[in-house]
Every structure is written in C-alpha cells, then in structure tokens.
Amino acid sequence: MRFITANLNGVRSAASKGFFDWLDQQQADAVGVQELKAQADVVESQFRSCDKLAGHFHYAEKKGYSGVGLYTREEPSDLVTGLGMPEFDCEGRWVEKRFDKPGRKLSLISVYFPSGTSGEERQQVKYRFLAALYPHLMALKAEREFILVADVNIAHKEIDLKNWRSNQKNSGFLPEERAWLTRLFADGSDGGGLVDVFRTLNDKAEQYTWWSNRGNARANNVGWRLDYHLATPGLAALARREAIYTGQLFSDHAPLTIDYDFSL
C-alpha cells in the first residue's frame, strides 16, 4: 500500500510544474495533498481524479488558502471532512477516508496543520489547533487504526532541520511545539502512542521535506522535515520503505512516499 503525502503550495501551481504527471508514474494507492489554495469549482473540474485515484477534498472558505485532499484507488466505506471544530473547519484542514470491514476499522487521513510564521496571532491559532487535535486523535486511536499524513509545520528534533540552533525561537521549532510531538509519540499512560513512521525506517540527518524560497536553501539543502506519516503502532509496524522525492520541484515541499505491507 503506497501512500504519498505532498504539500502542493497551490494545486494549480504544482500541476503546472508536473506534479500530476509524476504522480501518474508512482503506482500510488493513496495520496494526501495539502495547501490546495483553490476552491471546489477549480479542483472538482480539473483535479478530481488522477491515475485511477479518486479525490475527496476539504476546502477553506477563504479563496486561495489552505485546503486538503485525499486520493485513493479504493472507494472508502465512509468520508469525514473537518474536525467538527468551526474555527479550524472553515480553513479546510482535515479529510478522512474510512476503509472499514468486518473485524477492521481503518482510516487514511490528510491534514494541514496551521503555520505560525506570520505572527503571534496565527501562532496562537496553531497552539489551539494542537490542543484540540490531541484528544481528537486519542479518541480516534481508541476505536480504529489510522495513518495520518500531514504538513505538521513542526520539526520535531534537532536532526529534523539544518539550522536548529538559530531556529529555537522560531515557529516550527518552538519548545512547546516540539513537546506536543514528543508527547504524541510517547508510550505509556501519559503518551499518545502514535508513531513517526519515517523515523522508524530512516534515522539519518538531512532528511528534509521543506526548504525556504530564500537564500538558495534548496540548492544547499538547508531544510526542515515538516511532512509526516503519523500512524497507530499496528500499521506503523507494517511500513517497509520510505522515499523523499527531490528530483523535480513541484512546490517548496517534497513528496514523501512510504510503502506499507497491507492492502485496503
């Protein structure tokens, strides 16, 4: 089960740079995309499907902003758009497909976490999102297996960004943000018990998925690992291969692919 995640930084922009042509060749079973920056009229008419993958989407009310999608080869048994939280649902941040069978409850989810880089007001939105999302994920984990792919907009550890020392007071690497992920991945009664799947397969440095558009960051690989597969332990244990694709520039993020040893 090949699952790709990609922040497109605008679906029209990424398409013009060859993203969907590349995707046609990937033999993916599921693809989560974030930052559509487009509304239903554009997406449904131009980007509804790709390589026999059918897309479902959650749009922001504000034009040209946010929005997520999830393409899958298999038809889901149920579809959930939004978290049921108006502050965040108006920004188009959650689309979940359920593939439930007798004896199995399983979800694939595409999520776009808020960014706090524009200032303190948005950073507070990000903190509220994290606070609300944690119990939501725990409730989901209590009843089903899932893989959630996302632009989390947080680098977890020092290994996950090039210039960690100079970024400790910047959104995306703040102590509170990193602590949220640490708790999410922790085992035991105080931990969320979810798994950062990529790091179970690859523990090397300089494995980045986002680069600033400034200062030749991409050419010099001065990046951050902001894009994740977050999974319940049973599914995470079935991960077999990972790949960050940097051969073409579709957006300021690179697609992250992980292959799992199960089928939908």
C-alpha atoms as a PDB file:
ATOM      1  CA  MET A   1       0.000   0.000   0.000  1.00  0.00           C
ATOM      2  CA  ARG A   2       1.891   3.023  -1.307  1.00  0.00           C
ATOM      3  CA  PHE A   3       0.881   6.242   0.457  1.00  0.00           C
ATOM      4  CA  ILE A   4       2.290   9.589  -0.696  1.00  0.00           C
ATOM      5  CA  THR A   5       1.948  12.945   1.055  1.00  0.00           C
ATOM      6  CA  ALA A   6       2.714  16.281  -0.595  1.00  0.00           C
ATOM      7  CA  ASN A   7       2.140  19.899   0.312  1.00  0.00           C
ATOM      8  CA  LEU A   8       1.431  21.374  -3.128  1.00  0.00           C
ATOM      9  CA  ASN A   9       1.617  25.087  -2.209  1.00  0.00           C
ATOM     10  CA  GLY A  10      -1.216  25.542  -4.681  1.00  0.00           C
ATOM     11  CA  VAL A  11      -2.668  22.670  -6.711  1.00  0.00           C
ATOM     12  CA  ARG A  12      -2.651  24.678  -9.956  1.00  0.00           C
ATOM     13  CA  SER A  13       0.971  25.694  -9.448  1.00  0.00           C
ATOM     14  CA  ALA A  14       2.086  22.140  -8.639  1.00  0.00           C
ATOM     15  CA  ALA A  15       0.172  20.786 -11.649  1.00  0.00           C
ATOM     16  CA  SER A  16       1.894  23.282 -13.953  1.00  0.00           C
ATOM     17  CA  LYS A  17       5.245  22.044 -12.604  1.00  0.00           C
ATOM     18  CA  GLY A  18       4.445  18.415 -13.417  1.00  0.00           C
ATOM     19  CA  PHE A  19       3.180  17.020 -10.109  1.00  0.00           C
ATOM     20  CA  PHE A  20       0.293  15.025 -11.570  1.00  0.00           C
ATOM     21  CA  ASP A  21       2.434  13.769 -14.481  1.00  0.00           C
ATOM     22  CA  TRP A  22       4.901  12.473 -11.880  1.00  0.00           C
ATOM     23  CA  LEU A  23       2.089  11.036  -9.767  1.00  0.00           C
ATOM     24  CA  ASP A  24       0.785   9.057 -12.743  1.00  0.00           C
ATOM     25  CA  GLN A  25       4.031   7.072 -12.674  1.00  0.00           C
ATOM     26  CA  GLN A  26       4.125   6.324  -8.934  1.00  0.00           C
ATOM     27  CA  GLN A  27       1.618   3.445  -8.685  1.00  0.00           C
ATOM     28  CA  ALA A  28       0.255   5.009  -5.516  1.00  0.00           C
ATOM     29  CA  ASP A  29      -2.721   3.584  -3.664  1.00  0.00           C
ATOM     30  CA  ALA A  30      -3.328   6.765  -1.669  1.00  0.00           C
ATOM     31  CA  VAL A  31      -2.140  10.362  -1.929  1.00  0.00           C
ATOM     32  CA  GLY A  32      -2.685  13.070   0.666  1.00  0.00           C
ATOM     33  CA  VAL A  33      -2.236  16.651  -0.507  1.00  0.00           C
ATOM     34  CA  GLN A  34      -2.203  19.862   1.482  1.00  0.00           C
ATOM     35  CA  GLU A  35      -2.454  23.568   0.618  1.00  0.00           C
ATOM     36  CA  LEU A  36      -4.696  23.245  -2.408  1.00  0.00           C
ATOM     37  CA  LYS A  37      -5.130  27.036  -2.458  1.00  0.00           C
ATOM     38  CA  ALA A  38      -8.181  26.510  -4.669  1.00  0.00           C
ATOM     39  CA  GLN A  39     -11.923  26.106  -4.330  1.00  0.00           C
ATOM     40  CA  ALA A  40     -14.293  23.356  -5.413  1.00  0.00           C
ATOM     41  CA  ASP A  41     -15.020  24.888  -8.830  1.00  0.00           C
ATOM     42  CA  VAL A  42     -11.372  24.540  -9.873  1.00  0.00           C
ATOM     43  CA  VAL A  43     -10.476  21.321  -8.063  1.00  0.00           C
ATOM     44  CA  GLU A  44     -13.585  19.312  -8.960  1.00  0.00           C
ATOM     45  CA  SER A  45     -13.322  20.227 -12.647  1.00  0.00           C
ATOM     46  CA  GLN A  46      -9.554  19.830 -13.111  1.00  0.00           C
ATOM     47  CA  PHE A  47      -8.110  17.702 -10.310  1.00  0.00           C
ATOM     48  CA  ARG A  48     -10.906  15.383  -9.217  1.00  0.00           C
ATOM     49  CA  SER A  49      -9.006  12.227 -10.108  1.00  0.00           C
ATOM     50  CA  CYS A  50      -5.540  11.099 -11.136  1.00  0.00           C
ATOM     51  CA  ASP A  51      -4.203   7.718 -12.300  1.00  0.00           C
ATOM     52  CA  LYS A  52      -7.438   5.921 -11.311  1.00  0.00           C
ATOM     53  CA  LEU A  53      -7.297   7.587  -7.903  1.00  0.00           C
ATOM     54  CA  ALA A  54     -10.475   9.350  -6.812  1.00  0.00           C
ATOM     55  CA  GLY A  55     -10.068  12.522  -4.768  1.00  0.00           C
ATOM     56  CA  HIS A  56     -12.103  13.907  -1.894  1.00  0.00           C
ATOM     57  CA  PHE A  57     -11.410  17.376  -0.520  1.00  0.00           C
ATOM     58  CA  HIS A  58     -11.944  19.804   2.341  1.00  0.00           C
ATOM     59  CA  TYR A  59     -11.833  23.428   1.264  1.00  0.00           C
ATOM     60  CA  ALA A  60     -11.133  26.646   3.111  1.00  0.00           C
ATOM     61  CA  GLU A  61     -13.851  29.286   2.999  1.00  0.00           C
ATOM     62  CA  LYS A  62     -11.219  31.899   2.161  1.00  0.00           C
ATOM     63  CA  LYS A  63     -10.213  31.785  -1.513  1.00  0.00           C
ATOM     64  CA  GLY A  64      -6.660  30.784  -2.408  1.00  0.00           C
ATOM     65  CA  TYR A  65      -5.944  29.466   1.071  1.00  0.00           C
ATOM     66  CA  SER A  66      -5.243  26.113   2.719  1.00  0.00           C
ATOM     67  CA  GLY A  67      -7.415  23.135   1.754  1.00  0.00           C
ATOM     68  CA  VAL A  68      -6.606  19.413   1.762  1.00  0.00           C
ATOM     69  CA  GLY A  69      -7.300  16.418  -0.425  1.00  0.00           C
ATOM     70  CA  LEU A  70      -7.039  12.639  -0.292  1.00  0.00           C
ATOM     71  CA  TYR A  71      -6.891  10.496  -3.420  1.00  0.00           C
ATOM     72  CA  THR A  72      -7.405   6.736  -3.122  1.00  0.00           C
ATOM     73  CA  ARG A  73      -7.637   3.829  -5.546  1.00  0.00           C
ATOM     74  CA  GLU A  74     -10.230   2.090  -3.379  1.00  0.00           C
ATOM     75  CA  GLU A  75     -13.624   3.567  -2.564  1.00  0.00           C
ATOM     76  CA  PRO A  76     -13.992   4.339   1.150  1.00  0.00           C
ATOM     77  CA  SER A  77     -16.753   2.990   3.328  1.00  0.00           C
ATOM     78  CA  ASP A  78     -17.187   6.473   4.808  1.00  0.00           C
ATOM     79  CA  LEU A  79     -15.886  10.009   4.370  1.00  0.00           C
ATOM     80  CA  VAL A  80     -15.243  12.600   7.078  1.00  0.00           C
ATOM     81  CA  THR A  81     -14.404  16.210   6.202  1.00  0.00           C
ATOM     82  CA  GLY A  82     -13.472  18.534   9.028  1.00  0.00           C
ATOM     83  CA  LEU A  83     -12.866  18.009  12.723  1.00  0.00           C
ATOM     84  CA  GLY A  84     -16.247  19.268  13.879  1.00  0.00           C
ATOM     85  CA  MET A  85     -14.495  22.406  15.167  1.00  0.00           C
ATOM     86  CA  PRO A  86     -15.687  25.555  13.348  1.00  0.00           C
ATOM     87  CA  GLU A  87     -12.535  27.622  13.945  1.00  0.00           C
ATOM     88  CA  PHE A  88     -10.438  25.105  12.030  1.00  0.00           C
ATOM     89  CA  ASP A  89     -13.014  23.598   9.696  1.00  0.00           C
ATOM     90  CA  CYS A  90     -13.507  26.945   7.940  1.00  0.00           C
ATOM     91  CA  GLU A  91      -9.832  26.673   6.945  1.00  0.00           C
ATOM     92  CA  GLY A  92     -10.111  23.247   5.248  1.00  0.00           C
ATOM     93  CA  ARG A  93      -7.662  21.176   7.275  1.00  0.00           C
ATOM     94  CA  TRP A  94      -8.971  17.586   7.623  1.00  0.00           C
ATOM     95  CA  VAL A  95     -10.178  14.934   5.183  1.00  0.00           C
ATOM     96  CA  GLU A  96     -10.510  11.320   6.346  1.00  0.00           C
ATOM     97  CA  LYS A  97     -11.482   8.226   4.403  1.00  0.00           C
ATOM     98  CA  ARG A  98     -12.563   5.140   6.293  1.00  0.00           C
ATOM     99  CA  PHE A  99     -11.987   1.655   4.923  1.00  0.00           C
ATOM    100  CA  ASP A 100     -13.919  -0.409   7.427  1.00  0.00           C
ATOM    101  CA  LYS A 101     -14.547  -4.136   7.030  1.00  0.00           C
ATOM    102  CA  PRO A 102     -15.874  -6.760   9.436  1.00  0.00           C
ATOM    103  CA  GLY A 103     -13.258  -7.015  12.164  1.00  0.00           C
ATOM    104  CA  ARG A 104     -11.288  -3.978  10.949  1.00  0.00           C
ATOM    105  CA  LYS A 105     -11.647  -0.227  11.352  1.00  0.00           C
ATOM    106  CA  LEU A 106      -9.054   1.717   9.364  1.00  0.00           C
ATOM    107  CA  SER A 107      -8.714   5.348   8.289  1.00  0.00           C
ATOM    108  CA  LEU A 108      -6.411   7.275   5.987  1.00  0.00           C
ATOM    109  CA  ILE A 109      -6.301  10.998   6.732  1.00  0.00           C
ATOM    110  CA  SER A 110      -4.781  14.100   5.130  1.00  0.00           C
ATOM    111  CA  VAL A 111      -4.251  17.120   7.389  1.00  0.00           C
ATOM    112  CA  TYR A 112      -2.760  20.587   7.079  1.00  0.00           C
ATOM    113  CA  PHE A 113      -1.602  21.976  10.427  1.00  0.00           C
ATOM    114  CA  PRO A 114      -1.654  25.778  10.827  1.00  0.00           C
ATOM    115  CA  SER A 115       1.535  27.741  10.356  1.00  0.00           C
ATOM    116  CA  GLY A 116       2.553  30.298  12.952  1.00  0.00           C
ATOM    117  CA  THR A 117       5.263  32.019  10.943  1.00  0.00           C
ATOM    118  CA  SER A 118       3.222  35.109  10.049  1.00  0.00           C
ATOM    119  CA  GLY A 119       2.971  36.317  13.649  1.00  0.00           C
ATOM    120  CA  GLU A 120       1.719  35.789  17.171  1.00  0.00           C
ATOM    121  CA  GLU A 121      -1.986  35.713  16.255  1.00  0.00           C
ATOM    122  CA  ARG A 122      -1.512  32.727  13.933  1.00  0.00           C
ATOM    123  CA  GLN A 123       0.861  31.066  16.397  1.00  0.00           C
ATOM    124  CA  GLN A 124      -1.940  31.121  18.962  1.00  0.00           C
ATOM    125  CA  VAL A 125      -4.276  29.544  16.374  1.00  0.00           C
ATOM    126  CA  LYS A 126      -1.644  26.846  15.904  1.00  0.00           C
ATOM    127  CA  TYR A 127      -1.488  26.186  19.651  1.00  0.00           C
ATOM    128  CA  ARG A 128      -5.298  25.993  19.848  1.00  0.00           C
ATOM    129  CA  PHE A 129      -5.277  23.547  16.937  1.00  0.00           C
ATOM    130  CA  LEU A 130      -2.684  21.343  18.632  1.00  0.00           C
ATOM    131  CA  ALA A 131      -4.626  21.426  21.900  1.00  0.00           C
ATOM    132  CA  ALA A 132      -7.868  20.436  20.171  1.00  0.00           C
ATOM    133  CA  LEU A 133      -6.311  17.858  17.855  1.00  0.00           C
ATOM    134  CA  TYR A 134      -4.624  15.771  20.556  1.00  0.00           C
ATOM    135  CA  PRO A 135      -7.805  14.440  22.235  1.00  0.00           C
ATOM    136  CA  HIS A 136      -9.391  14.009  18.802  1.00  0.00           C
ATOM    137  CA  LEU A 137      -6.522  11.742  17.751  1.00  0.00           C
ATOM    138  CA  MET A 138      -6.687   9.830  21.022  1.00  0.00           C
ATOM    139  CA  ALA A 139     -10.406   9.213  20.562  1.00  0.00           C
ATOM    140  CA  LEU A 140      -9.758   8.032  17.017  1.00  0.00           C
ATOM    141  CA  LYS A 141      -6.916   5.759  18.150  1.00  0.00           C
ATOM    142  CA  ALA A 142      -9.188   4.189  20.768  1.00  0.00           C
ATOM    143  CA  GLU A 143     -11.563   2.936  18.088  1.00  0.00           C
ATOM    144  CA  ARG A 144      -9.544   2.456  14.884  1.00  0.00           C
ATOM    145  CA  GLU A 145      -6.176   2.078  13.170  1.00  0.00           C
ATOM    146  CA  PHE A 146      -5.085   5.024  11.052  1.00  0.00           C
ATOM    147  CA  ILE A 147      -2.337   6.620   9.034  1.00  0.00           C
ATOM    148  CA  LEU A 148      -2.462  10.405   9.070  1.00  0.00           C
ATOM    149  CA  VAL A 149      -0.296  12.221   6.536  1.00  0.00           C
ATOM    150  CA  ALA A 150       0.277  15.892   7.058  1.00  0.00           C
ATOM    151  CA  ASP A 151       2.298  19.011   6.738  1.00  0.00           C
ATOM    152  CA  VAL A 152       2.638  19.338  10.512  1.00  0.00           C
ATOM    153  CA  ASN A 153       4.591  22.608  10.307  1.00  0.00           C
ATOM    154  CA  ILE A 154       6.837  21.407  13.170  1.00  0.00           C
ATOM    155  CA  ALA A 155      10.327  19.920  13.032  1.00  0.00           C
ATOM    156  CA  HIS A 156      10.479  17.516  15.965  1.00  0.00           C
ATOM    157  CA  LYS A 157      14.148  17.133  16.821  1.00  0.00           C
ATOM    158  CA  GLU A 158      17.467  18.817  16.118  1.00  0.00           C
ATOM    159  CA  ILE A 159      18.130  16.228  13.403  1.00  0.00           C
ATOM    160  CA  ASP A 160      14.988  17.406  11.589  1.00  0.00           C
ATOM    161  CA  LEU A 161      16.272  20.785  10.442  1.00  0.00           C
ATOM    162  CA  LYS A 162      19.603  22.123   9.266  1.00  0.00           C
ATOM    163  CA  ASN A 163      19.965  25.226  11.415  1.00  0.00           C
ATOM    164  CA  TRP A 164      18.356  24.109  14.663  1.00  0.00           C
ATOM    165  CA  ARG A 165      20.414  26.380  16.919  1.00  0.00           C
ATOM    166  CA  SER A 166      19.284  29.589  15.235  1.00  0.00           C
ATOM    167  CA  ASN A 167      15.641  28.473  14.959  1.00  0.00           C
ATOM    168  CA  GLN A 168      14.837  27.678  18.601  1.00  0.00           C
ATOM    169  CA  LYS A 169      12.733  30.832  18.941  1.00  0.00           C
ATOM    170  CA  ASN A 170      11.045  30.491  15.563  1.00  0.00           C
ATOM    171  CA  SER A 171       7.645  28.985  14.803  1.00  0.00           C
ATOM    172  CA  GLY A 172       8.050  25.408  13.687  1.00  0.00           C
ATOM    173  CA  PHE A 173      10.785  24.617  16.219  1.00  0.00           C
ATOM    174  CA  LEU A 174       9.473  26.192  19.408  1.00  0.00           C
ATOM    175  CA  PRO A 175       9.830  24.132  22.606  1.00  0.00           C
ATOM    176  CA  GLU A 176       6.049  23.947  23.071  1.00  0.00           C
ATOM    177  CA  GLU A 177       5.509  22.652  19.534  1.00  0.00           C
ATOM    178  CA  ARG A 178       8.248  20.058  19.821  1.00  0.00           C
ATOM    179  CA  ALA A 179       6.917  18.946  23.213  1.00  0.00           C
ATOM    180  CA  TRP A 180       3.499  18.362  21.636  1.00  0.00           C
ATOM    181  CA  LEU A 181       5.054  15.913  19.162  1.00  0.00           C
ATOM    182  CA  THR A 182       7.175  14.286  21.867  1.00  0.00           C
ATOM    183  CA  ARG A 183       4.015  13.635  23.884  1.00  0.00           C
ATOM    184  CA  LEU A 184       2.170  12.373  20.799  1.00  0.00           C
ATOM    185  CA  PHE A 185       4.918   9.816  20.131  1.00  0.00           C
ATOM    186  CA  ALA A 186       5.494   8.810  23.753  1.00  0.00           C
ATOM    187  CA  ASP A 187       4.395   5.434  25.087  1.00  0.00           C
ATOM    188  CA  GLY A 188       2.804   4.863  28.469  1.00  0.00           C
ATOM    189  CA  SER A 189      -0.186   6.404  30.193  1.00  0.00           C
ATOM    190  CA  ASP A 190       0.952   9.990  29.550  1.00  0.00           C
ATOM    191  CA  GLY A 191       1.830   9.464  25.878  1.00  0.00           C
ATOM    192  CA  GLY A 192      -0.198   9.413  22.693  1.00  0.00           C
ATOM    193  CA  GLY A 193       1.411   6.216  21.460  1.00  0.00           C
ATOM    194  CA  LEU A 194       1.434   7.257  17.799  1.00  0.00           C
ATOM    195  CA  VAL A 195       4.442   6.639  15.560  1.00  0.00           C
ATOM    196  CA  ASP A 196       6.557   8.931  13.380  1.00  0.00           C
ATOM    197  CA  VAL A 197       6.727   6.308  10.640  1.00  0.00           C
ATOM    198  CA  PHE A 198       9.533   7.844   8.580  1.00  0.00           C
ATOM    199  CA  ARG A 199      11.907   7.739  11.547  1.00  0.00           C
ATOM    200  CA  THR A 200      11.288   4.006  12.067  1.00  0.00           C
ATOM    201  CA  LEU A 201      12.748   3.480   8.588  1.00  0.00           C
ATOM    202  CA  ASN A 202      15.336   6.252   8.307  1.00  0.00           C
ATOM    203  CA  ASP A 203      17.356   7.712  11.187  1.00  0.00           C
ATOM    204  CA  LYS A 204      19.758   9.743   9.045  1.00  0.00           C
ATOM    205  CA  ALA A 205      20.319  13.502   9.225  1.00  0.00           C
ATOM    206  CA  GLU A 206      19.440  15.941   6.428  1.00  0.00           C
ATOM    207  CA  GLN A 207      16.184  14.206   5.501  1.00  0.00           C
ATOM    208  CA  TYR A 208      14.190  17.334   4.733  1.00  0.00           C
ATOM    209  CA  THR A 209      10.822  17.911   3.050  1.00  0.00           C
ATOM    210  CA  TRP A 210      10.638  21.724   3.010  1.00  0.00           C
ATOM    211  CA  TRP A 211      13.043  24.475   2.029  1.00  0.00           C
ATOM    212  CA  SER A 212      12.677  28.234   2.208  1.00  0.00           C
ATOM    213  CA  ASN A 213      12.464  30.035  -1.119  1.00  0.00           C
ATOM    214  CA  ARG A 214      15.133  32.421   0.127  1.00  0.00           C
ATOM    215  CA  GLY A 215      18.917  32.212   0.049  1.00  0.00           C
ATOM    216  CA  ASN A 216      19.411  29.137  -2.165  1.00  0.00           C
ATOM    217  CA  ALA A 217      18.088  26.985   0.687  1.00  0.00           C
ATOM    218  CA  ARG A 218      17.062  24.142  -1.604  1.00  0.00           C
ATOM    219  CA  ALA A 219      20.311  24.079  -3.583  1.00  0.00           C
ATOM    220  CA  ASN A 220      22.258  23.961  -0.301  1.00  0.00           C
ATOM    221  CA  ASN A 221      19.808  21.542   1.349  1.00  0.00           C
ATOM    222  CA  VAL A 222      19.117  23.944   4.206  1.00  0.00           C
ATOM    223  CA  GLY A 223      15.781  22.391   5.011  1.00  0.00           C
ATOM    224  CA  TRP A 224      13.245  21.204   7.566  1.00  0.00           C
ATOM    225  CA  ARG A 225      11.368  17.902   7.919  1.00  0.00           C
ATOM    226  CA  LEU A 226       7.796  19.164   8.253  1.00  0.00           C
ATOM    227  CA  ASP A 227       5.858  16.433   6.443  1.00  0.00           C
ATOM    228  CA  TYR A 228       4.926  13.257   8.300  1.00  0.00           C
ATOM    229  CA  HIS A 229       3.189   9.918   8.269  1.00  0.00           C
ATOM    230  CA  LEU A 230       1.704   9.548  11.767  1.00  0.00           C
ATOM    231  CA  ALA A 231       0.289   6.092  12.415  1.00  0.00           C
ATOM    232  CA  THR A 232      -1.096   3.794  15.049  1.00  0.00           C
ATOM    233  CA  PRO A 233       1.532   1.222  16.076  1.00  0.00           C
ATOM    234  CA  GLY A 234      -0.016  -1.745  14.283  1.00  0.00           C
ATOM    235  CA  LEU A 235       0.051  -0.016  10.896  1.00  0.00           C
ATOM    236  CA  ALA A 236       3.389   1.696  11.545  1.00  0.00           C
ATOM    237  CA  ALA A 237       4.955  -1.737  12.066  1.00  0.00           C
ATOM    238  CA  LEU A 238       3.949  -2.634   8.508  1.00  0.00           C
ATOM    239  CA  ALA A 239       5.956   0.209   6.923  1.00  0.00           C
ATOM    240  CA  ARG A 240       8.658  -1.137   4.643  1.00  0.00           C
ATOM    241  CA  ARG A 241      10.189   1.646   2.509  1.00  0.00           C
ATOM    242  CA  GLU A 242      10.407   5.437   2.535  1.00  0.00           C
ATOM    243  CA  ALA A 243      11.448   7.966  -0.092  1.00  0.00           C
ATOM    244  CA  ILE A 244      11.596  11.755  -0.229  1.00  0.00           C
ATOM    245  CA  TYR A 245      11.441  12.768  -3.891  1.00  0.00           C
ATOM    246  CA  THR A 246      13.658  15.731  -4.728  1.00  0.00           C
ATOM    247  CA  GLY A 247      14.197  15.077  -8.443  1.00  0.00           C
ATOM    248  CA  GLN A 248      11.705  17.754  -9.519  1.00  0.00           C
ATOM    249  CA  LEU A 249      10.449  20.923  -7.842  1.00  0.00           C
ATOM    250  CA  PHE A 250       6.667  20.825  -7.599  1.00  0.00           C
ATOM    251  CA  SER A 251       6.435  23.194  -4.614  1.00  0.00           C
ATOM    252  CA  ASP A 252       8.545  24.351  -1.664  1.00  0.00           C
ATOM    253  CA  HIS A 253       7.855  20.883  -0.181  1.00  0.00           C
ATOM    254  CA  ALA A 254       8.964  17.479  -1.490  1.00  0.00           C
ATOM    255  CA  PRO A 255       6.621  14.474  -1.719  1.00  0.00           C
ATOM    256  CA  LEU A 256       7.147  11.790   0.931  1.00  0.00           C
ATOM    257  CA  THR A 257       6.290   8.213  -0.006  1.00  0.00           C
ATOM    258  CA  ILE A 258       6.007   5.274   2.390  1.00  0.00           C
ATOM    259  CA  ASP A 259       5.132   1.713   1.353  1.00  0.00           C
ATOM    260  CA  TYR A 260       3.171  -0.449   3.816  1.00  0.00           C
ATOM    261  CA  ASP A 261       2.721  -4.202   3.808  1.00  0.00           C
ATOM    262  CA  PHE A 262      -1.073  -4.327   3.806  1.00  0.00           C
ATOM    263  CA  SER A 263      -3.911  -3.640   1.397  1.00  0.00           C
ATOM    264  CA  LEU A 264      -7.026  -1.529   1.705  1.00  0.00           C
END
